[in-house]
Amino acid sequence: MGSKSDVHVEPITKADDMARCFEIAAAAFGTQTADGIWMAFNPGWDTPEGKMKGASRMRSRWSTATVDKAGNLNTIFLKAMVPDPDEGEIIAGMAIWLQGSAVQGHGDALDAHLPKGMDLDALYPGNASAHRYLCQIYKSLARQRVEAVKEATSQSPPAVLVLGLCAVDPAFQRRGLASKLVQWGLDEAVRRGGLETVTEASRAGRTVYSRLGFKQDGPEIEFHLDEEFKDRVLPSNIFMRTGRPRTGTA
């Protein structure tokens, strides 16, 4: 099975990696856990067409990432690589980190609206009900993330680093991949001047995040939905944050 020392994490630099990244996310959030949020935002995730479209959305998001005034990417796609006897190495895990700020030049403006570039009509053509549902899910899920970004306005730098997604192929779980994907972000937050890191954590991720210094902030996330959506099954999520790390500078 290999060991944790066999794993290394690096930013994705090739668009071709996105097909494998979507495949991993689908295996973890679709097949393994049936995460109602992830599946709602990725219709057809278990079909050839849906997988192709999902990988294309990831590719577009990766290729249009902005940078802050220091030249750092505001959206970072990571891959966790493990040895493979046939390929040499394969991608077995992936993560997406986001730098958010309410101050221009210090990160993307994260708010309770859907992320820039998300085309609801491409996901659910002409389906106003599905569009409302996704907007309501996202607004509820992102509320504390948005508050953290606003709080950071008075800090220096005035930004936070958000773990937007972390997924490991079920065939490679319990080998330390998730921990390394998260630790990369924690180290990067220090490198970028001591940013706080935050995330919305499912049940599956909480143990890893807690072990690496995240603490729960507030109760379970409550989803505020129209009556027509009340019967939808959504996963348990909590907001977790680290506080601002020490940078070794006065």
C-alpha atoms as a PDB file:
ATOM      1  CA  MET A   1       0.000   0.000   0.000  1.00  0.00           C
ATOM      2  CA  GLY A   2       2.945   2.364   0.440  1.00  0.00           C
ATOM      3  CA  SER A   3       3.461   4.892   3.241  1.00  0.00           C
ATOM      4  CA  LYS A   4       2.802   8.534   4.009  1.00  0.00           C
ATOM      5  CA  SER A   5       6.368   9.336   2.992  1.00  0.00           C
ATOM      6  CA  ASP A   6       5.567   8.157  -0.541  1.00  0.00           C
ATOM      7  CA  VAL A   7       3.079  11.006  -0.964  1.00  0.00           C
ATOM      8  CA  HIS A   8       3.984  14.432  -2.270  1.00  0.00           C
ATOM      9  CA  VAL A   9       1.770  17.428  -2.943  1.00  0.00           C
ATOM     10  CA  GLU A  10       2.232  20.082  -5.601  1.00  0.00           C
ATOM     11  CA  PRO A  11       0.166  22.727  -7.412  1.00  0.00           C
ATOM     12  CA  ILE A  12      -1.403  21.601 -10.662  1.00  0.00           C
ATOM     13  CA  THR A  13       0.245  23.117 -13.720  1.00  0.00           C
ATOM     14  CA  LYS A  14      -1.344  21.029 -16.495  1.00  0.00           C
ATOM     15  CA  ALA A  15      -4.936  21.299 -17.691  1.00  0.00           C
ATOM     16  CA  ASP A  16      -4.935  17.576 -18.498  1.00  0.00           C
ATOM     17  CA  ASP A  17      -4.873  16.779 -14.768  1.00  0.00           C
ATOM     18  CA  MET A  18      -8.417  18.074 -14.317  1.00  0.00           C
ATOM     19  CA  ALA A  19     -10.093  14.938 -15.658  1.00  0.00           C
ATOM     20  CA  ARG A  20      -8.433  12.853 -12.958  1.00  0.00           C
ATOM     21  CA  CYS A  21      -9.203  15.481 -10.303  1.00  0.00           C
ATOM     22  CA  PHE A  22     -12.903  15.422 -11.136  1.00  0.00           C
ATOM     23  CA  GLU A  23     -12.833  11.632 -11.126  1.00  0.00           C
ATOM     24  CA  ILE A  24     -11.410  11.685  -7.594  1.00  0.00           C
ATOM     25  CA  ALA A  25     -13.978  14.215  -6.369  1.00  0.00           C
ATOM     26  CA  ALA A  26     -16.780  12.124  -7.888  1.00  0.00           C
ATOM     27  CA  ALA A  27     -15.496   8.961  -6.220  1.00  0.00           C
ATOM     28  CA  ALA A  28     -15.246  10.647  -2.802  1.00  0.00           C
ATOM     29  CA  PHE A  29     -18.282  12.951  -2.788  1.00  0.00           C
ATOM     30  CA  GLY A  30     -20.523  11.038  -5.144  1.00  0.00           C
ATOM     31  CA  THR A  31     -19.980   7.298  -4.972  1.00  0.00           C
ATOM     32  CA  GLN A  32     -18.569   7.056  -1.438  1.00  0.00           C
ATOM     33  CA  THR A  33     -20.519   9.632   0.584  1.00  0.00           C
ATOM     34  CA  ALA A  34     -23.404  10.719  -1.702  1.00  0.00           C
ATOM     35  CA  ASP A  35     -22.835  14.328  -0.631  1.00  0.00           C
ATOM     36  CA  GLY A  36     -26.042  16.146  -1.571  1.00  0.00           C
ATOM     37  CA  ILE A  37     -24.332  19.512  -1.966  1.00  0.00           C
ATOM     38  CA  TRP A  38     -21.539  18.337  -4.236  1.00  0.00           C
ATOM     39  CA  MET A  39     -23.907  16.240  -6.345  1.00  0.00           C
ATOM     40  CA  ALA A  40     -26.332  19.151  -6.747  1.00  0.00           C
ATOM     41  CA  PHE A  41     -23.550  21.323  -8.127  1.00  0.00           C
ATOM     42  CA  ASN A  42     -22.317  18.527 -10.409  1.00  0.00           C
ATOM     43  CA  PRO A  43     -25.348  17.083 -12.227  1.00  0.00           C
ATOM     44  CA  GLY A  44     -24.619  13.904 -14.173  1.00  0.00           C
ATOM     45  CA  TRP A  45     -21.413  13.402 -12.192  1.00  0.00           C
ATOM     46  CA  ASP A  46     -21.644   9.625 -12.691  1.00  0.00           C
ATOM     47  CA  THR A  47     -22.161   9.744 -16.473  1.00  0.00           C
ATOM     48  CA  PRO A  48     -19.512  10.134 -19.200  1.00  0.00           C
ATOM     49  CA  GLU A  49     -21.017  13.457 -20.290  1.00  0.00           C
ATOM     50  CA  GLY A  50     -21.295  14.732 -16.720  1.00  0.00           C
ATOM     51  CA  LYS A  51     -17.698  13.790 -15.966  1.00  0.00           C
ATOM     52  CA  MET A  52     -16.498  15.560 -19.085  1.00  0.00           C
ATOM     53  CA  LYS A  53     -18.439  18.713 -18.175  1.00  0.00           C
ATOM     54  CA  GLY A  54     -17.277  18.565 -14.570  1.00  0.00           C
ATOM     55  CA  ALA A  55     -13.634  18.332 -15.615  1.00  0.00           C
ATOM     56  CA  SER A  56     -14.207  21.202 -18.047  1.00  0.00           C
ATOM     57  CA  ARG A  57     -15.586  23.402 -15.262  1.00  0.00           C
ATOM     58  CA  MET A  58     -12.545  22.645 -13.126  1.00  0.00           C
ATOM     59  CA  ARG A  59     -10.256  23.370 -16.066  1.00  0.00           C
ATOM     60  CA  SER A  60     -11.937  26.712 -16.698  1.00  0.00           C
ATOM     61  CA  ARG A  61     -11.699  27.698 -13.050  1.00  0.00           C
ATOM     62  CA  TRP A  62      -8.017  26.737 -12.935  1.00  0.00           C
ATOM     63  CA  SER A  63      -7.124  28.542 -16.151  1.00  0.00           C
ATOM     64  CA  THR A  64      -8.855  31.808 -15.184  1.00  0.00           C
ATOM     65  CA  ALA A  65      -7.420  32.090 -11.664  1.00  0.00           C
ATOM     66  CA  THR A  66      -6.488  35.623 -10.666  1.00  0.00           C
ATOM     67  CA  VAL A  67      -3.443  36.726  -8.671  1.00  0.00           C
ATOM     68  CA  ASP A  68      -3.025  39.076  -5.729  1.00  0.00           C
ATOM     69  CA  LYS A  69      -0.773  42.126  -5.829  1.00  0.00           C
ATOM     70  CA  ALA A  70       2.185  39.965  -4.764  1.00  0.00           C
ATOM     71  CA  GLY A  71       1.642  37.640  -7.718  1.00  0.00           C
ATOM     72  CA  ASN A  72       0.201  34.758  -5.687  1.00  0.00           C
ATOM     73  CA  LEU A  73      -2.601  32.744  -7.225  1.00  0.00           C
ATOM     74  CA  ASN A  74      -5.964  33.343  -5.572  1.00  0.00           C
ATOM     75  CA  THR A  75      -7.208  29.885  -6.608  1.00  0.00           C
ATOM     76  CA  ILE A  76      -4.764  27.000  -6.192  1.00  0.00           C
ATOM     77  CA  PHE A  77      -5.511  23.482  -7.394  1.00  0.00           C
ATOM     78  CA  LEU A  78      -3.345  20.890  -5.664  1.00  0.00           C
ATOM     79  CA  LYS A  79      -2.657  17.260  -6.454  1.00  0.00           C
ATOM     80  CA  ALA A  80      -1.367  14.539  -4.155  1.00  0.00           C
ATOM     81  CA  MET A  81       0.856  12.110  -6.026  1.00  0.00           C
ATOM     82  CA  VAL A  82       1.637   8.500  -5.088  1.00  0.00           C
ATOM     83  CA  PRO A  83       3.911   5.904  -6.711  1.00  0.00           C
ATOM     84  CA  ASP A  84       2.387   3.639  -9.364  1.00  0.00           C
ATOM     85  CA  PRO A  85       4.121   0.576 -10.852  1.00  0.00           C
ATOM     86  CA  ASP A  86       2.860   1.316 -14.355  1.00  0.00           C
ATOM     87  CA  GLU A  87       2.713   5.102 -14.546  1.00  0.00           C
ATOM     88  CA  GLY A  88       5.522   6.004 -12.161  1.00  0.00           C
ATOM     89  CA  GLU A  89       3.185   8.316 -10.264  1.00  0.00           C
ATOM     90  CA  ILE A  90      -0.540   8.949 -10.283  1.00  0.00           C
ATOM     91  CA  ILE A  91      -2.835  11.574  -8.808  1.00  0.00           C
ATOM     92  CA  ALA A  92      -4.629  10.081  -5.803  1.00  0.00           C
ATOM     93  CA  GLY A  93      -5.957  13.213  -4.101  1.00  0.00           C
ATOM     94  CA  MET A  94      -6.772  16.818  -4.869  1.00  0.00           C
ATOM     95  CA  ALA A  95      -7.668  20.059  -3.125  1.00  0.00           C
ATOM     96  CA  ILE A  96      -8.710  23.590  -3.990  1.00  0.00           C
ATOM     97  CA  TRP A  97      -7.489  26.517  -1.875  1.00  0.00           C
ATOM     98  CA  LEU A  98      -8.873  30.041  -2.282  1.00  0.00           C
ATOM     99  CA  GLN A  99      -7.474  33.365  -1.116  1.00  0.00           C
ATOM    100  CA  GLY A 100     -10.346  35.692  -0.264  1.00  0.00           C
ATOM    101  CA  SER A 101     -10.298  39.355   0.635  1.00  0.00           C
ATOM    102  CA  ALA A 102     -12.620  42.331   0.748  1.00  0.00           C
ATOM    103  CA  VAL A 103      -9.642  44.565  -0.105  1.00  0.00           C
ATOM    104  CA  GLN A 104      -8.753  44.900  -3.759  1.00  0.00           C
ATOM    105  CA  GLY A 105      -5.456  43.278  -4.685  1.00  0.00           C
ATOM    106  CA  HIS A 106      -5.372  40.931  -1.709  1.00  0.00           C
ATOM    107  CA  GLY A 107      -7.572  38.100  -2.963  1.00  0.00           C
ATOM    108  CA  ASP A 108     -10.819  37.302  -4.693  1.00  0.00           C
ATOM    109  CA  ALA A 109     -13.954  38.974  -3.357  1.00  0.00           C
ATOM    110  CA  LEU A 110     -15.705  36.019  -1.739  1.00  0.00           C
ATOM    111  CA  ASP A 111     -19.335  36.656  -0.905  1.00  0.00           C
ATOM    112  CA  ALA A 112     -22.572  34.768  -0.414  1.00  0.00           C
ATOM    113  CA  HIS A 113     -23.351  34.834  -4.123  1.00  0.00           C
ATOM    114  CA  LEU A 114     -22.327  31.955  -6.338  1.00  0.00           C
ATOM    115  CA  PRO A 115     -18.660  32.032  -7.433  1.00  0.00           C
ATOM    116  CA  LYS A 116     -17.892  34.193 -10.445  1.00  0.00           C
ATOM    117  CA  GLY A 117     -18.101  32.206 -13.651  1.00  0.00           C
ATOM    118  CA  MET A 118     -20.580  29.615 -12.418  1.00  0.00           C
ATOM    119  CA  ASP A 119     -23.239  29.282 -15.118  1.00  0.00           C
ATOM    120  CA  LEU A 120     -26.422  27.950 -13.545  1.00  0.00           C
ATOM    121  CA  ASP A 121     -28.159  27.660 -16.886  1.00  0.00           C
ATOM    122  CA  ALA A 122     -25.346  25.450 -18.139  1.00  0.00           C
ATOM    123  CA  LEU A 123     -25.853  23.177 -15.130  1.00  0.00           C
ATOM    124  CA  TYR A 124     -29.665  23.146 -15.258  1.00  0.00           C
ATOM    125  CA  PRO A 125     -30.895  24.713 -18.523  1.00  0.00           C
ATOM    126  CA  GLY A 126     -34.077  26.693 -18.022  1.00  0.00           C
ATOM    127  CA  ASN A 127     -34.672  25.253 -14.547  1.00  0.00           C
ATOM    128  CA  ALA A 128     -35.387  28.248 -12.304  1.00  0.00           C
ATOM    129  CA  SER A 129     -36.197  26.011  -9.340  1.00  0.00           C
ATOM    130  CA  ALA A 130     -32.809  24.283  -9.506  1.00  0.00           C
ATOM    131  CA  HIS A 131     -31.118  27.674  -9.836  1.00  0.00           C
ATOM    132  CA  ARG A 132     -32.820  28.933  -6.645  1.00  0.00           C
ATOM    133  CA  TYR A 133     -31.887  25.760  -4.810  1.00  0.00           C
ATOM    134  CA  LEU A 134     -28.182  26.091  -5.620  1.00  0.00           C
ATOM    135  CA  CYS A 135     -28.167  29.767  -4.673  1.00  0.00           C
ATOM    136  CA  GLN A 136     -29.811  29.026  -1.326  1.00  0.00           C
ATOM    137  CA  ILE A 137     -27.431  26.164  -0.539  1.00  0.00           C
ATOM    138  CA  TYR A 138     -24.375  28.247  -1.325  1.00  0.00           C
ATOM    139  CA  LYS A 139     -25.554  31.306   0.594  1.00  0.00           C
ATOM    140  CA  SER A 140     -26.113  29.213   3.721  1.00  0.00           C
ATOM    141  CA  LEU A 141     -22.879  27.254   3.381  1.00  0.00           C
ATOM    142  CA  ALA A 142     -20.686  30.302   2.700  1.00  0.00           C
ATOM    143  CA  ARG A 143     -22.143  32.663   5.321  1.00  0.00           C
ATOM    144  CA  GLN A 144     -19.397  32.236   7.935  1.00  0.00           C
ATOM    145  CA  ARG A 145     -16.691  32.145   5.282  1.00  0.00           C
ATOM    146  CA  VAL A 146     -17.886  35.552   4.105  1.00  0.00           C
ATOM    147  CA  GLU A 147     -17.871  36.863   7.679  1.00  0.00           C
ATOM    148  CA  ALA A 148     -14.279  35.657   8.136  1.00  0.00           C
ATOM    149  CA  VAL A 149     -13.227  37.533   4.997  1.00  0.00           C
ATOM    150  CA  LYS A 150     -14.850  40.710   6.323  1.00  0.00           C
ATOM    151  CA  GLU A 151     -13.158  40.271   9.708  1.00  0.00           C
ATOM    152  CA  ALA A 152      -9.788  40.049   7.984  1.00  0.00           C
ATOM    153  CA  THR A 153     -10.176  43.536   6.515  1.00  0.00           C
ATOM    154  CA  SER A 154      -8.572  45.037   9.621  1.00  0.00           C
ATOM    155  CA  GLN A 155      -5.698  42.544   9.593  1.00  0.00           C
ATOM    156  CA  SER A 156      -2.415  42.582   7.705  1.00  0.00           C
ATOM    157  CA  PRO A 157      -2.561  41.056   5.165  1.00  0.00           C
ATOM    158  CA  PRO A 158      -6.352  41.580   4.907  1.00  0.00           C
ATOM    159  CA  ALA A 159      -7.136  38.111   3.577  1.00  0.00           C
ATOM    160  CA  VAL A 160      -7.964  34.521   4.514  1.00  0.00           C
ATOM    161  CA  LEU A 161      -7.092  31.221   2.874  1.00  0.00           C
ATOM    162  CA  VAL A 162     -10.109  28.973   2.348  1.00  0.00           C
ATOM    163  CA  LEU A 163     -10.028  25.221   1.817  1.00  0.00           C
ATOM    164  CA  GLY A 164     -12.805  24.925  -0.730  1.00  0.00           C
ATOM    165  CA  LEU A 165     -12.503  21.224  -1.509  1.00  0.00           C
ATOM    166  CA  CYS A 166     -10.380  18.276  -0.439  1.00  0.00           C
ATOM    167  CA  ALA A 167     -10.903  14.812  -1.912  1.00  0.00           C
ATOM    168  CA  VAL A 168      -8.942  11.564  -1.892  1.00  0.00           C
ATOM    169  CA  ASP A 169      -9.609   8.562  -4.084  1.00  0.00           C
ATOM    170  CA  PRO A 170     -11.193   5.956  -1.755  1.00  0.00           C
ATOM    171  CA  ALA A 171      -8.610   3.434  -2.946  1.00  0.00           C
ATOM    172  CA  PHE A 172      -5.857   5.622  -1.431  1.00  0.00           C
ATOM    173  CA  GLN A 173      -7.489   6.842   1.769  1.00  0.00           C
ATOM    174  CA  ARG A 174      -5.860   6.430   5.187  1.00  0.00           C
ATOM    175  CA  ARG A 175      -2.419   7.042   3.739  1.00  0.00           C
ATOM    176  CA  GLY A 176      -2.051  10.654   4.849  1.00  0.00           C
ATOM    177  CA  LEU A 177      -2.999  12.298   1.546  1.00  0.00           C
ATOM    178  CA  ALA A 178      -5.702  14.537   3.009  1.00  0.00           C
ATOM    179  CA  SER A 179      -3.386  15.660   5.801  1.00  0.00           C
ATOM    180  CA  LYS A 180      -0.694  16.626   3.311  1.00  0.00           C
ATOM    181  CA  LEU A 181      -3.140  18.511   1.086  1.00  0.00           C
ATOM    182  CA  VAL A 182      -4.358  20.475   4.102  1.00  0.00           C
ATOM    183  CA  GLN A 183      -0.879  21.026   5.546  1.00  0.00           C
ATOM    184  CA  TRP A 184       0.245  22.503   2.231  1.00  0.00           C
ATOM    185  CA  GLY A 185      -2.396  25.193   2.649  1.00  0.00           C
ATOM    186  CA  LEU A 186      -1.448  25.861   6.269  1.00  0.00           C
ATOM    187  CA  ASP A 187       2.190  26.296   5.241  1.00  0.00           C
ATOM    188  CA  GLU A 188       1.183  28.519   2.338  1.00  0.00           C
ATOM    189  CA  ALA A 189      -0.917  30.685   4.662  1.00  0.00           C
ATOM    190  CA  VAL A 190       2.212  31.349   6.745  1.00  0.00           C
ATOM    191  CA  ARG A 191       4.266  32.042   3.623  1.00  0.00           C
ATOM    192  CA  ARG A 192       1.691  34.588   2.485  1.00  0.00           C
ATOM    193  CA  GLY A 193       2.120  36.641   5.622  1.00  0.00           C
ATOM    194  CA  GLY A 194       0.197  34.752   8.283  1.00  0.00           C
ATOM    195  CA  LEU A 195      -3.288  34.279   6.879  1.00  0.00           C
ATOM    196  CA  GLU A 196      -6.024  32.521   8.812  1.00  0.00           C
ATOM    197  CA  THR A 197      -7.305  29.344   7.167  1.00  0.00           C
ATOM    198  CA  VAL A 198     -10.984  28.370   7.210  1.00  0.00           C
ATOM    199  CA  THR A 199     -13.203  25.655   5.768  1.00  0.00           C
ATOM    200  CA  GLU A 200     -16.672  24.149   5.803  1.00  0.00           C
ATOM    201  CA  ALA A 201     -16.107  20.639   7.105  1.00  0.00           C
ATOM    202  CA  SER A 202     -18.121  17.525   6.414  1.00  0.00           C
ATOM    203  CA  ARG A 203     -18.119  14.666   8.918  1.00  0.00           C
ATOM    204  CA  ALA A 204     -15.448  12.866   6.909  1.00  0.00           C
ATOM    205  CA  GLY A 205     -12.947  15.723   7.079  1.00  0.00           C
ATOM    206  CA  ARG A 206     -13.328  16.958  10.645  1.00  0.00           C
ATOM    207  CA  THR A 207     -10.877  14.568  12.263  1.00  0.00           C
ATOM    208  CA  VAL A 208      -8.095  15.558   9.871  1.00  0.00           C
ATOM    209  CA  TYR A 209      -8.809  19.274  10.205  1.00  0.00           C
ATOM    210  CA  SER A 210      -8.973  19.114  14.001  1.00  0.00           C
ATOM    211  CA  ARG A 211      -5.675  17.280  14.171  1.00  0.00           C
ATOM    212  CA  LEU A 212      -4.054  20.041  12.091  1.00  0.00           C
ATOM    213  CA  GLY A 213      -5.301  22.899  14.260  1.00  0.00           C
ATOM    214  CA  PHE A 214      -8.748  23.810  12.965  1.00  0.00           C
ATOM    215  CA  LYS A 215     -11.430  24.440  15.576  1.00  0.00           C
ATOM    216  CA  GLN A 216     -15.194  24.429  15.177  1.00  0.00           C
ATOM    217  CA  ASP A 217     -16.736  27.909  15.179  1.00  0.00           C
ATOM    218  CA  GLY A 218     -20.445  27.835  15.934  1.00  0.00           C
ATOM    219  CA  PRO A 219     -23.092  25.120  15.617  1.00  0.00           C
ATOM    220  CA  GLU A 220     -23.917  22.943  12.620  1.00  0.00           C
ATOM    221  CA  ILE A 221     -24.443  24.983   9.489  1.00  0.00           C
ATOM    222  CA  GLU A 222     -28.161  25.571   8.998  1.00  0.00           C
ATOM    223  CA  PHE A 223     -29.457  25.629   5.453  1.00  0.00           C
ATOM    224  CA  HIS A 224     -32.166  28.207   4.837  1.00  0.00           C
ATOM    225  CA  LEU A 225     -34.257  26.772   2.017  1.00  0.00           C
ATOM    226  CA  ASP A 226     -37.645  27.412   0.463  1.00  0.00           C
ATOM    227  CA  GLU A 227     -40.392  25.031   1.508  1.00  0.00           C
ATOM    228  CA  GLU A 228     -40.214  23.186  -1.818  1.00  0.00           C
ATOM    229  CA  PHE A 229     -36.657  22.086  -0.987  1.00  0.00           C
ATOM    230  CA  LYS A 230     -37.180  21.028   2.631  1.00  0.00           C
ATOM    231  CA  ASP A 231     -37.155  17.318   1.798  1.00  0.00           C
ATOM    232  CA  ARG A 232     -33.723  17.471   0.146  1.00  0.00           C
ATOM    233  CA  VAL A 233     -31.030  15.535   2.006  1.00  0.00           C
ATOM    234  CA  LEU A 234     -27.967  17.653   2.740  1.00  0.00           C
ATOM    235  CA  PRO A 235     -24.812  16.560   4.573  1.00  0.00           C
ATOM    236  CA  SER A 236     -23.740  17.770   7.983  1.00  0.00           C
ATOM    237  CA  ASN A 237     -21.250  20.644   7.792  1.00  0.00           C
ATOM    238  CA  ILE A 238     -19.570  22.839  10.368  1.00  0.00           C
ATOM    239  CA  PHE A 239     -17.426  25.930   9.968  1.00  0.00           C
ATOM    240  CA  MET A 240     -13.828  25.485  11.153  1.00  0.00           C
ATOM    241  CA  ARG A 241     -10.971  27.950  11.429  1.00  0.00           C
ATOM    242  CA  THR A 242      -7.385  28.110  12.674  1.00  0.00           C
ATOM    243  CA  GLY A 243      -6.925  31.680  13.811  1.00  0.00           C
ATOM    244  CA  ARG A 244      -4.018  33.607  12.354  1.00  0.00           C
ATOM    245  CA  PRO A 245      -0.721  31.694  12.573  1.00  0.00           C
ATOM    246  CA  ARG A 246       2.541  32.971  13.958  1.00  0.00           C
ATOM    247  CA  THR A 247       4.868  34.053  11.174  1.00  0.00           C
ATOM    248  CA  GLY A 248       8.058  34.420  13.174  1.00  0.00           C
ATOM    249  CA  THR A 249       8.083  38.179  12.709  1.00  0.00           C
ATOM    250  CA  ALA A 250       7.436  40.841  15.294  1.00  0.00           C
END
